[in-house]
Amino acid sequence: QVQLAESGGGLVQVGDSLRLSCTASERSGSRGNMAWFRQAPGKEREFVASIPRNGDTTYYADSVKDRFTISRDNARNTVFLQMNSLKPEDTAVYYCASSLTIYYDRQLASRDQSYYYWGQGTQVTVSS
């Protein structure tokens, strides 16, 4: 069974940066899109960013565009989320996900139903 392990969360101040990492235990866990979702207290889980296996395109939620950058290292079965200019509304549990299929359609890439493997989540707290 493929496992996804996130790391890099923590408590930061407004305007700070954080880099999240997520590594799949097997190569099969990173053959499709890899993505980040987040869930704030009392809210539904929402899409953050996605990247297909070859990394030639990326998809972002409007709320994080121009502040967050998703990237991946296929040799290490790892996806990253560089988060800059963090805001209090970025506070959430961030989940890594990977799909079995490669999506080049933003609508499909941003749906949580498109992803098969999920990590346990890492907490990001932005304090004002």
Foldseek 3Di string as FASTA:
>chain_A
DKAKAKDWADEEAAFAKIKMKIAIPDLLQQQAKKFKWWDDPPGDIFGAKIATNVRPDIDGDPVQPPFWDWDADSVRRMIMIIGGRDDQVVWTWMKMFGANHYDPDRVLRGDPVRTDYMHPTDTHGYHD
